[in-house]
PDB file of all heavy atoms in Angstrom:
ATOM      1  N   ALA A   1      -3.564 -11.701  -6.373  1.00  0.00           N
ATOM      2  CA  ALA A   1      -2.322 -12.386  -6.745  1.00  0.00           C
ATOM      3  C   ALA A   1      -2.123 -13.642  -5.927  1.00  0.00           C
ATOM      4  O   ALA A   1      -2.719 -13.814  -4.859  1.00  0.00           O
ATOM      5  CB  ALA A   1      -1.149 -11.422  -6.534  1.00  0.00           C
ATOM      6  N   ASP A   2      -1.274 -14.564  -6.415  1.00  0.00           N
ATOM      7  CA  ASP A   2      -0.884 -15.721  -5.646  1.00  0.00           C
ATOM      8  C   ASP A   2       0.015 -15.229  -4.505  1.00  0.00           C
ATOM      9  O   ASP A   2       0.494 -14.101  -4.535  1.00  0.00           O
ATOM     10  CB  ASP A   2      -0.156 -16.730  -6.501  1.00  0.00           C
ATOM     11  CG  ASP A   2       1.165 -16.207  -7.061  1.00  0.00           C
ATOM     12  OD1 ASP A   2       2.150 -16.236  -6.338  1.00  0.00           O
ATOM     13  OD2 ASP A   2       1.155 -15.749  -8.221  1.00  0.00           O
ATOM     14  N   PRO A   3       0.260 -16.071  -3.442  1.00  0.00           N
ATOM     15  CA  PRO A   3       0.954 -15.577  -2.269  1.00  0.00           C
ATOM     16  C   PRO A   3       2.335 -14.927  -2.572  1.00  0.00           C
ATOM     17  O   PRO A   3       2.643 -13.854  -2.048  1.00  0.00           O
ATOM     18  CB  PRO A   3       1.124 -16.865  -1.441  1.00  0.00           C
ATOM     19  CG  PRO A   3      -0.046 -17.701  -1.811  1.00  0.00           C
ATOM     20  CD  PRO A   3      -0.261 -17.421  -3.280  1.00  0.00           C
ATOM     21  N   THR A   4       3.134 -15.551  -3.416  1.00  0.00           N
ATOM     22  CA  THR A   4       4.463 -14.993  -3.706  1.00  0.00           C
ATOM     23  C   THR A   4       4.338 -13.686  -4.449  1.00  0.00           C
ATOM     24  O   THR A   4       5.011 -12.691  -4.129  1.00  0.00           O
ATOM     25  CB  THR A   4       5.275 -15.991  -4.548  1.00  0.00           C
ATOM     26  OG1 THR A   4       5.471 -17.165  -3.797  1.00  0.00           O
ATOM     27  CG2 THR A   4       6.667 -15.391  -4.862  1.00  0.00           C
ATOM     28  N   THR A   5       3.484 -13.643  -5.471  1.00  0.00           N
ATOM     29  CA  THR A   5       3.290 -12.392  -6.224  1.00  0.00           C
ATOM     30  C   THR A   5       2.700 -11.310  -5.336  1.00  0.00           C
ATOM     31  O   THR A   5       3.050 -10.114  -5.442  1.00  0.00           O
ATOM     32  CB  THR A   5       2.384 -12.631  -7.428  1.00  0.00           C
ATOM     33  OG1 THR A   5       2.934 -13.670  -8.237  1.00  0.00           O
ATOM     34  CG2 THR A   5       2.250 -11.370  -8.275  1.00  0.00           C
ATOM     35  N   GLY A   6       1.836 -11.683  -4.409  1.00  0.00           N
ATOM     36  CA  GLY A   6       1.239 -10.719  -3.491  1.00  0.00           C
ATOM     37  C   GLY A   6       2.268 -10.079  -2.599  1.00  0.00           C
ATOM     38  O   GLY A   6       2.222  -8.876  -2.328  1.00  0.00           O
ATOM     39  N   VAL A   7       3.259 -10.896  -2.121  1.00  0.00           N
ATOM     40  CA  VAL A   7       4.353 -10.344  -1.316  1.00  0.00           C
ATOM     41  C   VAL A   7       5.184  -9.379  -2.123  1.00  0.00           C
ATOM     42  O   VAL A   7       5.561  -8.295  -1.632  1.00  0.00           O
ATOM     43  CB  VAL A   7       5.224 -11.526  -0.736  1.00  0.00           C
ATOM     44  CG1 VAL A   7       6.479 -10.949  -0.103  1.00  0.00           C
ATOM     45  CG2 VAL A   7       4.433 -12.305   0.275  1.00  0.00           C
ATOM     46  N   ILE A   8       5.496  -9.749  -3.349  1.00  0.00           N
ATOM     47  CA  ILE A   8       6.297  -8.877  -4.204  1.00  0.00           C
ATOM     48  C   ILE A   8       5.575  -7.560  -4.460  1.00  0.00           C
ATOM     49  O   ILE A   8       6.151  -6.479  -4.422  1.00  0.00           O
ATOM     50  CB  ILE A   8       6.670  -9.596  -5.522  1.00  0.00           C
ATOM     51  CG1 ILE A   8       7.608 -10.779  -5.242  1.00  0.00           C
ATOM     52  CG2 ILE A   8       7.337  -8.628  -6.498  1.00  0.00           C
ATOM     53  CD1 ILE A   8       7.891 -11.623  -6.502  1.00  0.00           C
ATOM     54  N   ALA A   9       4.272  -7.645  -4.753  1.00  0.00           N
ATOM     55  CA  ALA A   9       3.479  -6.413  -5.016  1.00  0.00           C
ATOM     56  C   ALA A   9       3.411  -5.540  -3.751  1.00  0.00           C
ATOM     57  O   ALA A   9       3.522  -4.344  -3.843  1.00  0.00           O
ATOM     58  CB  ALA A   9       2.068  -6.786  -5.462  1.00  0.00           C
ATOM     59  N   SER A  10       3.272  -6.173  -2.602  1.00  0.00           N
ATOM     60  CA  SER A  10       3.218  -5.434  -1.352  1.00  0.00           C
ATOM     61  C   SER A  10       4.549  -4.712  -1.116  1.00  0.00           C
ATOM     62  O   SER A  10       4.561  -3.525  -0.725  1.00  0.00           O
ATOM     63  CB  SER A  10       2.934  -6.391  -0.201  1.00  0.00           C
ATOM     64  OG  SER A  10       2.862  -5.695   1.017  1.00  0.00           O
ATOM     65  N   PHE A  11       5.675  -5.387  -1.343  1.00  0.00           N
ATOM     66  CA  PHE A  11       6.956  -4.761  -1.165  1.00  0.00           C
ATOM     67  C   PHE A  11       7.238  -3.701  -2.279  1.00  0.00           C
ATOM     68  O   PHE A  11       7.994  -2.803  -2.051  1.00  0.00           O
ATOM     69  CB  PHE A  11       8.054  -5.802  -1.199  1.00  0.00           C
ATOM     70  CG  PHE A  11       8.243  -6.539   0.096  1.00  0.00           C
ATOM     71  CD1 PHE A  11       8.500  -7.900   0.145  1.00  0.00           C
ATOM     72  CD2 PHE A  11       8.143  -5.862   1.272  1.00  0.00           C
ATOM     73  CE1 PHE A  11       8.654  -8.562   1.340  1.00  0.00           C
ATOM     74  CE2 PHE A  11       8.302  -6.504   2.498  1.00  0.00           C
ATOM     75  CZ  PHE A  11       8.564  -7.868   2.535  1.00  0.00           C
ATOM     76  N   ALA A  12       6.580  -3.835  -3.433  1.00  0.00           N
ATOM     77  CA  ALA A  12       6.693  -2.832  -4.442  1.00  0.00           C
ATOM     78  C   ALA A  12       6.097  -1.514  -3.974  1.00  0.00           C
ATOM     79  O   ALA A  12       6.648  -0.420  -4.193  1.00  0.00           O
ATOM     80  CB  ALA A  12       6.077  -3.275  -5.759  1.00  0.00           C
ATOM     81  N   ALA A  13       4.913  -1.588  -3.346  1.00  0.00           N
ATOM     82  CA  ALA A  13       4.325  -0.375  -2.750  1.00  0.00           C
ATOM     83  C   ALA A  13       5.242   0.168  -1.664  1.00  0.00           C
ATOM     84  O   ALA A  13       5.382   1.398  -1.540  1.00  0.00           O
ATOM     85  CB  ALA A  13       2.962  -0.709  -2.176  1.00  0.00           C
ATOM     86  N   PHE A  14       5.856  -0.697  -0.895  1.00  0.00           N
ATOM     87  CA  PHE A  14       6.835  -0.306   0.124  1.00  0.00           C
ATOM     88  C   PHE A  14       8.001   0.450  -0.495  1.00  0.00           C
ATOM     89  O   PHE A  14       8.444   1.495   0.017  1.00  0.00           O
ATOM     90  CB  PHE A  14       7.317  -1.536   0.877  1.00  0.00           C
ATOM     91  CG  PHE A  14       8.383  -1.307   1.875  1.00  0.00           C
ATOM     92  CD1 PHE A  14       8.119  -0.663   3.081  1.00  0.00           C
ATOM     93  CD2 PHE A  14       9.704  -1.711   1.637  1.00  0.00           C
ATOM     94  CE1 PHE A  14       9.134  -0.474   4.032  1.00  0.00           C
ATOM     95  CE2 PHE A  14      10.717  -1.500   2.563  1.00  0.00           C
ATOM     96  CZ  PHE A  14      10.403  -0.891   3.763  1.00  0.00           C
ATOM     97  N   ALA A  15       8.463  -0.008  -1.653  1.00  0.00           N
ATOM     98  CA  ALA A  15       9.620   0.575  -2.323  1.00  0.00           C
ATOM     99  C   ALA A  15       9.334   1.954  -2.874  1.00  0.00           C
ATOM    100  O   ALA A  15      10.252   2.734  -3.064  1.00  0.00           O
ATOM    101  CB  ALA A  15      10.133  -0.345  -3.428  1.00  0.00           C
ATOM    102  N   VAL A  16       8.044   2.238  -3.171  1.00  0.00           N
ATOM    103  CA  VAL A  16       7.735   3.583  -3.728  1.00  0.00           C
ATOM    104  C   VAL A  16       8.179   4.660  -2.757  1.00  0.00           C
ATOM    105  O   VAL A  16       8.579   5.778  -3.210  1.00  0.00           O
ATOM    106  CB  VAL A  16       6.215   3.653  -4.009  1.00  0.00           C
ATOM    107  CG1 VAL A  16       5.780   5.073  -4.226  1.00  0.00           C
ATOM    108  CG2 VAL A  16       5.866   2.794  -5.206  1.00  0.00           C
ATOM    109  N   GLY A  17       8.123   4.436  -1.507  1.00  0.00           N
ATOM    110  CA  GLY A  17       8.564   5.378  -0.546  1.00  0.00           C
ATOM    111  C   GLY A  17      10.031   5.765  -0.711  1.00  0.00           C
ATOM    112  O   GLY A  17      10.412   6.913  -0.458  1.00  0.00           O
ATOM    113  N   PHE A  18      10.838   4.836  -1.162  1.00  0.00           N
ATOM    114  CA  PHE A  18      12.232   5.093  -1.381  1.00  0.00           C
ATOM    115  C   PHE A  18      12.468   5.903  -2.633  1.00  0.00           C
ATOM    116  O   PHE A  18      13.428   6.719  -2.698  1.00  0.00           O
ATOM    117  CB  PHE A  18      13.064   3.775  -1.441  1.00  0.00           C
ATOM    118  CG  PHE A  18      13.019   3.024  -0.133  1.00  0.00           C
ATOM    119  CD1 PHE A  18      12.108   2.016   0.118  1.00  0.00           C
ATOM    120  CD2 PHE A  18      13.960   3.347   0.861  1.00  0.00           C
ATOM    121  CE1 PHE A  18      12.123   1.342   1.283  1.00  0.00           C
ATOM    122  CE2 PHE A  18      13.924   2.685   2.074  1.00  0.00           C
ATOM    123  CZ  PHE A  18      13.011   1.673   2.304  1.00  0.00           C
ATOM    124  N   VAL A  19      11.596   5.747  -3.624  1.00  0.00           N
ATOM    125  CA  VAL A  19      11.698   6.595  -4.788  1.00  0.00           C
ATOM    126  C   VAL A  19      11.455   8.059  -4.460  1.00  0.00           C
ATOM    127  O   VAL A  19      12.068   8.969  -4.994  1.00  0.00           O
ATOM    128  CB  VAL A  19      10.707   6.091  -5.879  1.00  0.00           C
ATOM    129  CG1 VAL A  19      10.725   6.994  -7.093  1.00  0.00           C
ATOM    130  CG2 VAL A  19      11.037   4.645  -6.303  1.00  0.00           C
ATOM    131  N   ALA A  20      10.512   8.269  -3.529  1.00  0.00           N
ATOM    132  CA  ALA A  20      10.117   9.625  -3.161  1.00  0.00           C
ATOM    133  C   ALA A  20      11.161  10.270  -2.244  1.00  0.00           C
ATOM    134  O   ALA A  20      11.226  11.503  -2.177  1.00  0.00           O
ATOM    135  CB  ALA A  20       8.788   9.592  -2.484  1.00  0.00           C
ATOM    136  N   ARG A  21      11.949   9.473  -1.548  1.00  0.00           N
ATOM    137  CA  ARG A  21      12.830  10.085  -0.545  1.00  0.00           C
ATOM    138  C   ARG A  21      13.875  11.058  -1.136  1.00  0.00           C
ATOM    139  O   ARG A  21      14.109  12.117  -0.547  1.00  0.00           O
ATOM    140  CB  ARG A  21      13.522   8.975   0.263  1.00  0.00           C
ATOM    141  CG  ARG A  21      12.639   8.367   1.305  1.00  0.00           C
ATOM    142  CD  ARG A  21      13.196   7.201   1.992  1.00  0.00           C
ATOM    143  NE  ARG A  21      14.425   7.466   2.743  1.00  0.00           N
ATOM    144  CZ  ARG A  21      15.029   6.618   3.547  1.00  0.00           C
ATOM    145  NH1 ARG A  21      14.497   5.410   3.721  1.00  0.00           N
ATOM    146  NH2 ARG A  21      16.093   6.939   4.189  1.00  0.00           N
ATOM    147  N   PRO A  22      14.522  10.765  -2.280  1.00  0.00           N
ATOM    148  CA  PRO A  22      15.455  11.775  -2.811  1.00  0.00           C
ATOM    149  C   PRO A  22      14.750  13.069  -3.229  1.00  0.00           C
ATOM    150  O   PRO A  22      15.338  14.156  -3.103  1.00  0.00           O
ATOM    151  CB  PRO A  22      16.042  11.064  -4.063  1.00  0.00           C
ATOM    152  CG  PRO A  22      15.844   9.648  -3.812  1.00  0.00           C
ATOM    153  CD  PRO A  22      14.543   9.507  -3.060  1.00  0.00           C
ATOM    154  N   ILE A  23      13.499  12.955  -3.728  1.00  0.00           N
ATOM    155  CA  ILE A  23      12.775  14.204  -4.059  1.00  0.00           C
ATOM    156  C   ILE A  23      12.539  15.019  -2.817  1.00  0.00           C
ATOM    157  O   ILE A  23      12.780  16.243  -2.821  1.00  0.00           O
ATOM    158  CB  ILE A  23      11.459  13.789  -4.739  1.00  0.00           C
ATOM    159  CG1 ILE A  23      11.689  12.942  -5.983  1.00  0.00           C
ATOM    160  CG2 ILE A  23      10.679  15.088  -5.105  1.00  0.00           C
ATOM    161  CD1 ILE A  23      10.408  12.412  -6.620  1.00  0.00           C
ATOM    162  N   GLY A  24      12.125  14.348  -1.730  1.00  0.00           N
ATOM    163  CA  GLY A  24      11.992  15.055  -0.472  1.00  0.00           C
ATOM    164  C   GLY A  24      13.281  15.613   0.007  1.00  0.00           C
ATOM    165  O   GLY A  24      13.350  16.734   0.578  1.00  0.00           O
ATOM    166  N   GLY A  25      14.386  14.853  -0.165  1.00  0.00           N
ATOM    167  CA  GLY A  25      15.705  15.319   0.253  1.00  0.00           C
ATOM    168  C   GLY A  25      16.132  16.596  -0.469  1.00  0.00           C
ATOM    169  O   GLY A  25      16.692  17.522   0.107  1.00  0.00           O
ATOM    170  N   ILE A  26      15.831  16.624  -1.767  1.00  0.00           N
ATOM    171  CA  ILE A  26      16.234  17.775  -2.595  1.00  0.00           C
ATOM    172  C   ILE A  26      15.405  19.022  -2.138  1.00  0.00           C
ATOM    173  O   ILE A  26      15.927  20.125  -1.912  1.00  0.00           O
ATOM    174  CB  ILE A  26      16.009  17.483  -4.092  1.00  0.00           C
ATOM    175  CG1 ILE A  26      17.049  16.457  -4.563  1.00  0.00           C
ATOM    176  CG2 ILE A  26      16.089  18.778  -4.909  1.00  0.00           C
ATOM    177  CD1 ILE A  26      16.816  15.991  -5.976  1.00  0.00           C
ATOM    178  N   VAL A  27      14.087  18.847  -2.025  1.00  0.00           N
ATOM    179  CA  VAL A  27      13.196  19.977  -1.686  1.00  0.00           C
ATOM    180  C   VAL A  27      13.504  20.472  -0.260  1.00  0.00           C
ATOM    181  O   VAL A  27      13.728  21.658  -0.036  1.00  0.00           O
ATOM    182  CB  VAL A  27      11.744  19.556  -1.849  1.00  0.00           C
ATOM    183  CG1 VAL A  27      10.833  20.689  -1.345  1.00  0.00           C
ATOM    184  CG2 VAL A  27      11.408  19.220  -3.312  1.00  0.00           C
ATOM    185  N   PHE A  28      13.487  19.572   0.677  1.00  0.00           N
ATOM    186  CA  PHE A  28      13.726  19.965   2.083  1.00  0.00           C
ATOM    187  C   PHE A  28      15.174  20.446   2.259  1.00  0.00           C
ATOM    188  O   PHE A  28      15.443  21.365   3.036  1.00  0.00           O
ATOM    189  CB  PHE A  28      13.451  18.808   3.025  1.00  0.00           C
ATOM    190  CG  PHE A  28      11.969  18.635   3.327  1.00  0.00           C
ATOM    191  CD1 PHE A  28      11.210  17.725   2.620  1.00  0.00           C
ATOM    192  CD2 PHE A  28      11.369  19.337   4.357  1.00  0.00           C
ATOM    193  CE1 PHE A  28       9.860  17.550   2.898  1.00  0.00           C
ATOM    194  CE2 PHE A  28      10.029  19.162   4.646  1.00  0.00           C
ATOM    195  CZ  PHE A  28       9.262  18.254   3.871  1.00  0.00           C
ATOM    196  N   GLY A  29      16.119  19.807   1.549  1.00  0.00           N
ATOM    197  CA  GLY A  29      17.490  20.236   1.646  1.00  0.00           C
ATOM    198  C   GLY A  29      17.690  21.686   1.156  1.00  0.00           C
ATOM    199  O   GLY A  29      18.405  22.480   1.753  1.00  0.00           O
ATOM    200  N   HIS A  30      17.038  21.986   0.023  1.00  0.00           N
ATOM    201  CA  HIS A  30      17.128  23.351  -0.526  1.00  0.00           C
ATOM    202  C   HIS A  30      16.647  24.401   0.473  1.00  0.00           C
ATOM    203  O   HIS A  30      17.343  25.369   0.818  1.00  0.00           O
ATOM    204  CB  HIS A  30      16.329  23.458  -1.829  1.00  0.00           C
ATOM    205  CG  HIS A  30      16.183  24.871  -2.346  1.00  0.00           C
ATOM    206  ND1 HIS A  30      17.171  25.457  -3.079  1.00  0.00           N
ATOM    207  CD2 HIS A  30      15.193  25.775  -2.218  1.00  0.00           C
ATOM    208  CE1 HIS A  30      16.824  26.697  -3.373  1.00  0.00           C
ATOM    209  NE2 HIS A  30      15.601  26.897  -2.863  1.00  0.00           N
ATOM    210  N   TYR A  31      15.407  24.152   0.994  1.00  0.00           N
ATOM    211  CA  TYR A  31      14.867  25.162   1.935  1.00  0.00           C
ATOM    212  C   TYR A  31      15.546  25.054   3.315  1.00  0.00           C
ATOM    213  O   TYR A  31      15.566  26.082   4.040  1.00  0.00           O
ATOM    214  CB  TYR A  31      13.385  24.947   2.049  1.00  0.00           C
ATOM    215  CG  TYR A  31      12.667  25.395   0.800  1.00  0.00           C
ATOM    216  CD1 TYR A  31      12.138  24.437  -0.122  1.00  0.00           C
ATOM    217  CD2 TYR A  31      12.494  26.743   0.497  1.00  0.00           C
ATOM    218  CE1 TYR A  31      11.496  24.865  -1.272  1.00  0.00           C
ATOM    219  CE2 TYR A  31      11.880  27.157  -0.679  1.00  0.00           C
ATOM    220  CZ  TYR A  31      11.387  26.231  -1.544  1.00  0.00           C
ATOM    221  OH  TYR A  31      10.758  26.635  -2.717  1.00  0.00           O
ATOM    222  N   GLY A  32      16.095  23.898   3.641  1.00  0.00           N
ATOM    223  CA  GLY A  32      16.865  23.807   4.889  1.00  0.00           C
ATOM    224  C   GLY A  32      18.122  24.663   4.855  1.00  0.00           C
ATOM    225  O   GLY A  32      18.529  25.250   5.848  1.00  0.00           O
ATOM    226  N   ASP A  33      18.755  24.698   3.701  1.00  0.00           N
ATOM    227  CA  ASP A  33      19.978  25.545   3.494  1.00  0.00           C
ATOM    228  C   ASP A  33      19.608  27.025   3.303  1.00  0.00           C
ATOM    229  O   ASP A  33      20.411  27.883   3.587  1.00  0.00           O
ATOM    230  CB  ASP A  33      20.768  25.054   2.299  1.00  0.00           C
ATOM    231  CG  ASP A  33      21.594  23.810   2.611  1.00  0.00           C
ATOM    232  OD1 ASP A  33      22.032  23.660   3.779  1.00  0.00           O
ATOM    233  OD2 ASP A  33      21.804  22.978   1.705  1.00  0.00           O
ATOM    234  N   ARG A  34      18.397  27.291   2.805  1.00  0.00           N
ATOM    235  CA  ARG A  34      17.997  28.654   2.556  1.00  0.00           C
ATOM    236  C   ARG A  34      17.268  29.285   3.756  1.00  0.00           C
ATOM    237  O   ARG A  34      17.456  30.440   4.108  1.00  0.00           O
ATOM    238  CB  ARG A  34      17.062  28.717   1.319  1.00  0.00           C
ATOM    239  CG  ARG A  34      17.761  28.362   0.014  1.00  0.00           C
ATOM    240  CD  ARG A  34      18.729  29.464  -0.413  1.00  0.00           C
ATOM    241  NE  ARG A  34      18.038  30.740  -0.555  1.00  0.00           N
ATOM    242  CZ  ARG A  34      18.646  31.904  -0.543  1.00  0.00           C
ATOM    243  NH1 ARG A  34      19.965  31.967  -0.397  1.00  0.00           N
ATOM    244  NH2 ARG A  34      17.980  33.045  -0.687  1.00  0.00           N
ATOM    245  N   LEU A  35      16.330  28.519   4.394  1.00  0.00           N
ATOM    246  CA  LEU A  35      15.463  29.080   5.412  1.00  0.00           C
ATOM    247  C   LEU A  35      15.817  28.598   6.791  1.00  0.00           C
ATOM    248  O   LEU A  35      15.385  29.176   7.791  1.00  0.00           O
ATOM    249  CB  LEU A  35      13.993  28.736   5.116  1.00  0.00           C
ATOM    250  CG  LEU A  35      13.459  29.150   3.751  1.00  0.00           C
ATOM    251  CD1 LEU A  35      12.004  28.727   3.599  1.00  0.00           C
ATOM    252  CD2 LEU A  35      13.581  30.668   3.579  1.00  0.00           C
ATOM    253  N   GLY A  36      16.511  27.455   6.950  1.00  0.00           N
ATOM    254  CA  GLY A  36      16.863  26.944   8.275  1.00  0.00           C
ATOM    255  C   GLY A  36      16.479  25.536   8.475  1.00  0.00           C
ATOM    256  O   GLY A  36      15.584  24.983   7.827  1.00  0.00           O
TER     257      GLY A  36
END
């Protein structure tokens, strides 16, 4: 990619972590309330 597009693509990979965080919150939250 050109420099600007490369930065956007790099930050897009960075943003994927935020998509996963609610899923982790739901799973860990459930077992945190159930198991400790």
